[in-house]
Amino acid sequence: MPGRVPGLPLPFPLNDADRLFFQQAAFGGESEVELGNVAAHRASSNEVKAFGRRMAADHRKANDRLSALARDAQITLPPAPDTEHRAIAADLTHRSDEDFDLNYLRQQIGDHQRTAVLLEWEIGAGQYEALKSYAKQSLPIVLEHLADAQRLANAVQPDAGPQRAARKGP
């Protein structure tokens, strides 16, 4: 926070919405990086692999920005994904190659829908202006990720026919 003196308290307390947003965004962001890296290696479709790489890179950047805001707000972020996100990762790593892509994309659709709601909630209910600004800047990116995941999920479904995403060679 510009003009903030280290060691002094914030000029205002964070509200519950801000605290919860920090926690939930950190859990989701760390999970996105982890799952994106898994998809970049495990996906059958080249497009899904590229999507996984993009998720890992975009969420790594968002996590770095969130970490800086947390330091300024004197909030400690959770160091790893929560139990729910770890269970999702475990489920995906045990999927067969044939159904990994679609299950990963379905998970991404659900997570990005929940993240969009979380961002909108922070924008409306948050008190920390820098965090609200972060949410406002992040929302269009999350909605773009959601649209891409939906498009890819439609393309990799077994009955998608000629729409099917590009597959890697033999």
C-alpha atoms as a PDB file:
ATOM      1  CA  MET A   1       0.000   0.000   0.000  1.00  0.00           C
ATOM      2  CA  PRO A   2       1.664   3.275  -1.058  1.00  0.00           C
ATOM      3  CA  GLY A   3       2.679   5.535   1.796  1.00  0.00           C
ATOM      4  CA  ARG A   4       2.301   2.759   4.382  1.00  0.00           C
ATOM      5  CA  VAL A   5       4.940   2.625   7.089  1.00  0.00           C
ATOM      6  CA  PRO A   6       6.131  -0.944   7.740  1.00  0.00           C
ATOM      7  CA  GLY A   7       5.252  -2.180  11.205  1.00  0.00           C
ATOM      8  CA  LEU A   8       2.302   0.176  11.644  1.00  0.00           C
ATOM      9  CA  PRO A   9      -1.253  -1.121  11.403  1.00  0.00           C
ATOM     10  CA  LEU A  10      -3.374  -0.471   8.354  1.00  0.00           C
ATOM     11  CA  PRO A  11      -5.284   2.801   8.450  1.00  0.00           C
ATOM     12  CA  PHE A  12      -8.502   0.716   8.489  1.00  0.00           C
ATOM     13  CA  PRO A  13      -9.320  -2.861   9.429  1.00  0.00           C
ATOM     14  CA  LEU A  14     -10.086  -5.329   6.674  1.00  0.00           C
ATOM     15  CA  ASN A  15     -13.659  -6.530   6.715  1.00  0.00           C
ATOM     16  CA  ASP A  16     -14.742 -10.177   6.710  1.00  0.00           C
ATOM     17  CA  ALA A  17     -15.322 -10.120   2.943  1.00  0.00           C
ATOM     18  CA  ASP A  18     -11.696  -9.071   2.356  1.00  0.00           C
ATOM     19  CA  ARG A  19     -10.307 -11.722   4.702  1.00  0.00           C
ATOM     20  CA  LEU A  20     -12.413 -14.482   3.180  1.00  0.00           C
ATOM     21  CA  PHE A  21     -11.549 -13.322  -0.335  1.00  0.00           C
ATOM     22  CA  PHE A  22      -7.813 -13.480   0.416  1.00  0.00           C
ATOM     23  CA  GLN A  23      -8.181 -17.045   1.714  1.00  0.00           C
ATOM     24  CA  GLN A  24     -10.424 -18.374  -1.045  1.00  0.00           C
ATOM     25  CA  ALA A  25      -8.512 -16.664  -3.853  1.00  0.00           C
ATOM     26  CA  ALA A  26      -5.247 -18.096  -2.527  1.00  0.00           C
ATOM     27  CA  PHE A  27      -6.673 -21.629  -2.329  1.00  0.00           C
ATOM     28  CA  GLY A  28      -8.088 -21.423  -5.843  1.00  0.00           C
ATOM     29  CA  GLY A  29      -5.065 -19.718  -7.358  1.00  0.00           C
ATOM     30  CA  GLU A  30      -2.592 -22.269  -6.037  1.00  0.00           C
ATOM     31  CA  SER A  31      -4.828 -25.069  -7.257  1.00  0.00           C
ATOM     32  CA  GLU A  32      -5.066 -23.519 -10.737  1.00  0.00           C
ATOM     33  CA  VAL A  33      -1.280 -23.442 -11.069  1.00  0.00           C
ATOM     34  CA  GLU A  34      -0.958 -27.048  -9.905  1.00  0.00           C
ATOM     35  CA  LEU A  35      -3.769 -28.369 -12.112  1.00  0.00           C
ATOM     36  CA  GLY A  36      -2.605 -26.314 -15.089  1.00  0.00           C
ATOM     37  CA  ASN A  37       0.820 -27.920 -14.841  1.00  0.00           C
ATOM     38  CA  VAL A  38      -0.756 -31.379 -14.629  1.00  0.00           C
ATOM     39  CA  ALA A  39      -2.921 -30.665 -17.694  1.00  0.00           C
ATOM     40  CA  ALA A  40       0.060 -29.335 -19.636  1.00  0.00           C
ATOM     41  CA  HIS A  41       1.661 -32.783 -19.293  1.00  0.00           C
ATOM     42  CA  ARG A  42      -1.298 -35.188 -19.071  1.00  0.00           C
ATOM     43  CA  ALA A  43      -3.859 -33.855 -21.535  1.00  0.00           C
ATOM     44  CA  SER A  44      -4.392 -35.730 -24.777  1.00  0.00           C
ATOM     45  CA  SER A  45      -5.454 -32.668 -26.727  1.00  0.00           C
ATOM     46  CA  ASN A  46      -2.811 -30.155 -27.723  1.00  0.00           C
ATOM     47  CA  GLU A  47      -5.363 -27.390 -27.151  1.00  0.00           C
ATOM     48  CA  VAL A  48      -6.054 -28.605 -23.606  1.00  0.00           C
ATOM     49  CA  LYS A  49      -2.314 -28.786 -22.944  1.00  0.00           C
ATOM     50  CA  ALA A  50      -1.959 -25.181 -24.119  1.00  0.00           C
ATOM     51  CA  PHE A  51      -4.934 -24.174 -21.969  1.00  0.00           C
ATOM     52  CA  GLY A  52      -3.279 -25.825 -18.952  1.00  0.00           C
ATOM     53  CA  ARG A  53      -0.049 -23.926 -19.591  1.00  0.00           C
ATOM     54  CA  ARG A  54      -2.017 -20.680 -19.842  1.00  0.00           C
ATOM     55  CA  MET A  55      -3.889 -21.411 -16.594  1.00  0.00           C
ATOM     56  CA  ALA A  56      -0.632 -22.066 -14.761  1.00  0.00           C
ATOM     57  CA  ALA A  57       1.014 -18.899 -16.107  1.00  0.00           C
ATOM     58  CA  ASP A  58      -1.985 -16.575 -15.666  1.00  0.00           C
ATOM     59  CA  HIS A  59      -2.758 -17.802 -12.167  1.00  0.00           C
ATOM     60  CA  ARG A  60       0.905 -17.634 -11.141  1.00  0.00           C
ATOM     61  CA  LYS A  61       0.838 -13.917 -12.064  1.00  0.00           C
ATOM     62  CA  ALA A  62      -2.459 -13.400 -10.222  1.00  0.00           C
ATOM     63  CA  ASN A  63      -1.078 -15.245  -7.174  1.00  0.00           C
ATOM     64  CA  ASP A  64       1.980 -12.971  -7.139  1.00  0.00           C
ATOM     65  CA  ARG A  65      -0.259  -9.885  -7.201  1.00  0.00           C
ATOM     66  CA  LEU A  66      -2.481 -11.324  -4.469  1.00  0.00           C
ATOM     67  CA  SER A  67       0.579 -12.133  -2.325  1.00  0.00           C
ATOM     68  CA  ALA A  68       1.814  -8.546  -2.613  1.00  0.00           C
ATOM     69  CA  LEU A  69      -1.597  -7.234  -1.532  1.00  0.00           C
ATOM     70  CA  ALA A  70      -1.654  -9.692   1.374  1.00  0.00           C
ATOM     71  CA  ARG A  71       1.785  -8.517   2.538  1.00  0.00           C
ATOM     72  CA  ASP A  72       0.584  -4.901   2.409  1.00  0.00           C
ATOM     73  CA  ALA A  73      -2.543  -5.837   4.364  1.00  0.00           C
ATOM     74  CA  GLN A  74      -0.528  -7.927   6.843  1.00  0.00           C
ATOM     75  CA  ILE A  75      -2.473 -11.072   5.949  1.00  0.00           C
ATOM     76  CA  THR A  76      -0.872 -14.510   5.837  1.00  0.00           C
ATOM     77  CA  LEU A  77      -2.090 -16.519   2.862  1.00  0.00           C
ATOM     78  CA  PRO A  78      -2.500 -20.281   3.059  1.00  0.00           C
ATOM     79  CA  PRO A  79       0.621 -21.919   1.599  1.00  0.00           C
ATOM     80  CA  ALA A  80      -1.165 -24.651  -0.380  1.00  0.00           C
ATOM     81  CA  PRO A  81      -4.559 -25.574  -1.811  1.00  0.00           C
ATOM     82  CA  ASP A  82      -7.254 -26.601   0.671  1.00  0.00           C
ATOM     83  CA  THR A  83      -8.591 -30.144   1.133  1.00  0.00           C
ATOM     84  CA  GLU A  84     -11.259 -29.721  -1.545  1.00  0.00           C
ATOM     85  CA  HIS A  85      -8.750 -28.609  -4.188  1.00  0.00           C
ATOM     86  CA  ARG A  86      -6.257 -31.319  -3.193  1.00  0.00           C
ATOM     87  CA  ALA A  87      -9.000 -33.940  -3.626  1.00  0.00           C
ATOM     88  CA  ILE A  88      -9.800 -32.584  -7.096  1.00  0.00           C
ATOM     89  CA  ALA A  89      -6.122 -32.767  -8.037  1.00  0.00           C
ATOM     90  CA  ALA A  90      -5.864 -36.341  -6.754  1.00  0.00           C
ATOM     91  CA  ASP A  91      -8.962 -37.353  -8.712  1.00  0.00           C
ATOM     92  CA  LEU A  92      -7.632 -35.829 -11.926  1.00  0.00           C
ATOM     93  CA  THR A  93      -4.193 -37.427 -11.604  1.00  0.00           C
ATOM     94  CA  HIS A  94      -5.849 -40.850 -11.349  1.00  0.00           C
ATOM     95  CA  ARG A  95      -8.025 -40.379 -14.426  1.00  0.00           C
ATOM     96  CA  SER A  96      -7.286 -42.363 -17.542  1.00  0.00           C
ATOM     97  CA  ASP A  97      -5.829 -40.464 -20.475  1.00  0.00           C
ATOM     98  CA  GLU A  98      -9.125 -40.880 -22.326  1.00  0.00           C
ATOM     99  CA  ASP A  99     -11.215 -39.002 -19.789  1.00  0.00           C
ATOM    100  CA  PHE A 100      -8.644 -36.617 -18.297  1.00  0.00           C
ATOM    101  CA  ASP A 101      -9.263 -33.766 -20.748  1.00  0.00           C
ATOM    102  CA  LEU A 102     -13.020 -33.548 -20.328  1.00  0.00           C
ATOM    103  CA  ASN A 103     -12.877 -33.971 -16.538  1.00  0.00           C
ATOM    104  CA  TYR A 104     -10.168 -31.304 -16.231  1.00  0.00           C
ATOM    105  CA  LEU A 105     -12.196 -28.907 -18.366  1.00  0.00           C
ATOM    106  CA  ARG A 106     -15.388 -29.565 -16.405  1.00  0.00           C
ATOM    107  CA  GLN A 107     -13.474 -28.848 -13.205  1.00  0.00           C
ATOM    108  CA  GLN A 108     -12.137 -25.636 -14.760  1.00  0.00           C
ATOM    109  CA  ILE A 109     -15.639 -24.528 -15.743  1.00  0.00           C
ATOM    110  CA  GLY A 110     -16.915 -25.021 -12.200  1.00  0.00           C
ATOM    111  CA  ASP A 111     -13.905 -23.363 -10.587  1.00  0.00           C
ATOM    112  CA  HIS A 112     -14.020 -20.347 -12.896  1.00  0.00           C
ATOM    113  CA  GLN A 113     -17.760 -19.943 -12.316  1.00  0.00           C
ATOM    114  CA  ARG A 114     -17.153 -19.943  -8.545  1.00  0.00           C
ATOM    115  CA  THR A 115     -14.197 -17.581  -8.931  1.00  0.00           C
ATOM    116  CA  ALA A 116     -16.278 -15.110 -10.944  1.00  0.00           C
ATOM    117  CA  VAL A 117     -18.872 -15.064  -8.142  1.00  0.00           C
ATOM    118  CA  LEU A 118     -16.099 -14.621  -5.542  1.00  0.00           C
ATOM    119  CA  LEU A 119     -14.622 -11.690  -7.481  1.00  0.00           C
ATOM    120  CA  GLU A 120     -18.016 -10.037  -7.876  1.00  0.00           C
ATOM    121  CA  TRP A 121     -18.640 -10.498  -4.157  1.00  0.00           C
ATOM    122  CA  GLU A 122     -15.334  -8.808  -3.266  1.00  0.00           C
ATOM    123  CA  ILE A 123     -16.062  -5.949  -5.669  1.00  0.00           C
ATOM    124  CA  GLY A 124     -19.416  -5.357  -3.972  1.00  0.00           C
ATOM    125  CA  ALA A 125     -18.694  -6.224  -0.342  1.00  0.00           C
ATOM    126  CA  GLY A 126     -14.962  -5.629   0.108  1.00  0.00           C
ATOM    127  CA  GLN A 127     -13.514  -2.687   1.986  1.00  0.00           C
ATOM    128  CA  TYR A 128      -9.838  -2.774   0.956  1.00  0.00           C
ATOM    129  CA  GLU A 129      -9.747  -0.677  -2.213  1.00  0.00           C
ATOM    130  CA  ALA A 130      -6.558  -2.262  -3.589  1.00  0.00           C
ATOM    131  CA  LEU A 131      -8.127  -5.721  -3.250  1.00  0.00           C
ATOM    132  CA  LYS A 132     -11.357  -4.540  -4.876  1.00  0.00           C
ATOM    133  CA  SER A 133      -9.261  -3.159  -7.752  1.00  0.00           C
ATOM    134  CA  TYR A 134      -7.492  -6.533  -8.043  1.00  0.00           C
ATOM    135  CA  ALA A 135     -10.922  -8.228  -8.259  1.00  0.00           C
ATOM    136  CA  LYS A 136     -12.122  -5.761 -10.912  1.00  0.00           C
ATOM    137  CA  GLN A 137      -9.001  -6.353 -13.013  1.00  0.00           C
ATOM    138  CA  SER A 138      -9.176 -10.133 -12.575  1.00  0.00           C
ATOM    139  CA  LEU A 139     -12.860 -10.639 -13.418  1.00  0.00           C
ATOM    140  CA  PRO A 140     -12.576 -10.190 -17.231  1.00  0.00           C
ATOM    141  CA  ILE A 141      -9.632 -12.614 -17.312  1.00  0.00           C
ATOM    142  CA  VAL A 142     -11.544 -15.215 -15.304  1.00  0.00           C
ATOM    143  CA  LEU A 143     -14.554 -14.864 -17.602  1.00  0.00           C
ATOM    144  CA  GLU A 144     -12.267 -15.337 -20.616  1.00  0.00           C
ATOM    145  CA  HIS A 145     -10.806 -18.484 -19.013  1.00  0.00           C
ATOM    146  CA  LEU A 146     -14.362 -19.725 -18.388  1.00  0.00           C
ATOM    147  CA  ALA A 147     -15.383 -19.177 -22.018  1.00  0.00           C
ATOM    148  CA  ASP A 148     -12.226 -20.945 -23.251  1.00  0.00           C
ATOM    149  CA  ALA A 149     -12.837 -23.919 -20.935  1.00  0.00           C
ATOM    150  CA  GLN A 150     -16.452 -24.177 -22.135  1.00  0.00           C
ATOM    151  CA  ARG A 151     -15.382 -24.032 -25.782  1.00  0.00           C
ATOM    152  CA  LEU A 152     -12.714 -26.700 -25.263  1.00  0.00           C
ATOM    153  CA  ALA A 153     -15.066 -28.937 -23.275  1.00  0.00           C
ATOM    154  CA  ASN A 154     -17.519 -28.865 -26.174  1.00  0.00           C
ATOM    155  CA  ALA A 155     -14.696 -29.691 -28.589  1.00  0.00           C
ATOM    156  CA  VAL A 156     -13.302 -32.697 -26.674  1.00  0.00           C
ATOM    157  CA  GLN A 157     -16.608 -34.408 -25.917  1.00  0.00           C
ATOM    158  CA  PRO A 158     -16.732 -37.840 -27.575  1.00  0.00           C
ATOM    159  CA  ASP A 159     -19.750 -36.896 -29.683  1.00  0.00           C
ATOM    160  CA  ALA A 160     -18.254 -33.559 -30.820  1.00  0.00           C
ATOM    161  CA  GLY A 161     -17.270 -35.036 -34.227  1.00  0.00           C
ATOM    162  CA  PRO A 162     -15.419 -32.579 -36.489  1.00  0.00           C
ATOM    163  CA  GLN A 163     -15.332 -30.014 -33.658  1.00  0.00           C
ATOM    164  CA  ARG A 164     -13.002 -32.275 -31.660  1.00  0.00           C
ATOM    165  CA  ALA A 165      -9.857 -30.547 -30.385  1.00  0.00           C
ATOM    166  CA  ALA A 166      -6.568 -31.237 -32.151  1.00  0.00           C
ATOM    167  CA  ARG A 167      -4.992 -34.454 -30.902  1.00  0.00           C
ATOM    168  CA  LYS A 168      -1.330 -35.161 -30.584  1.00  0.00           C
ATOM    169  CA  GLY A 169       0.216 -37.542 -33.065  1.00  0.00           C
ATOM    170  CA  PRO A 170       0.826 -41.277 -32.509  1.00  0.00           C
END
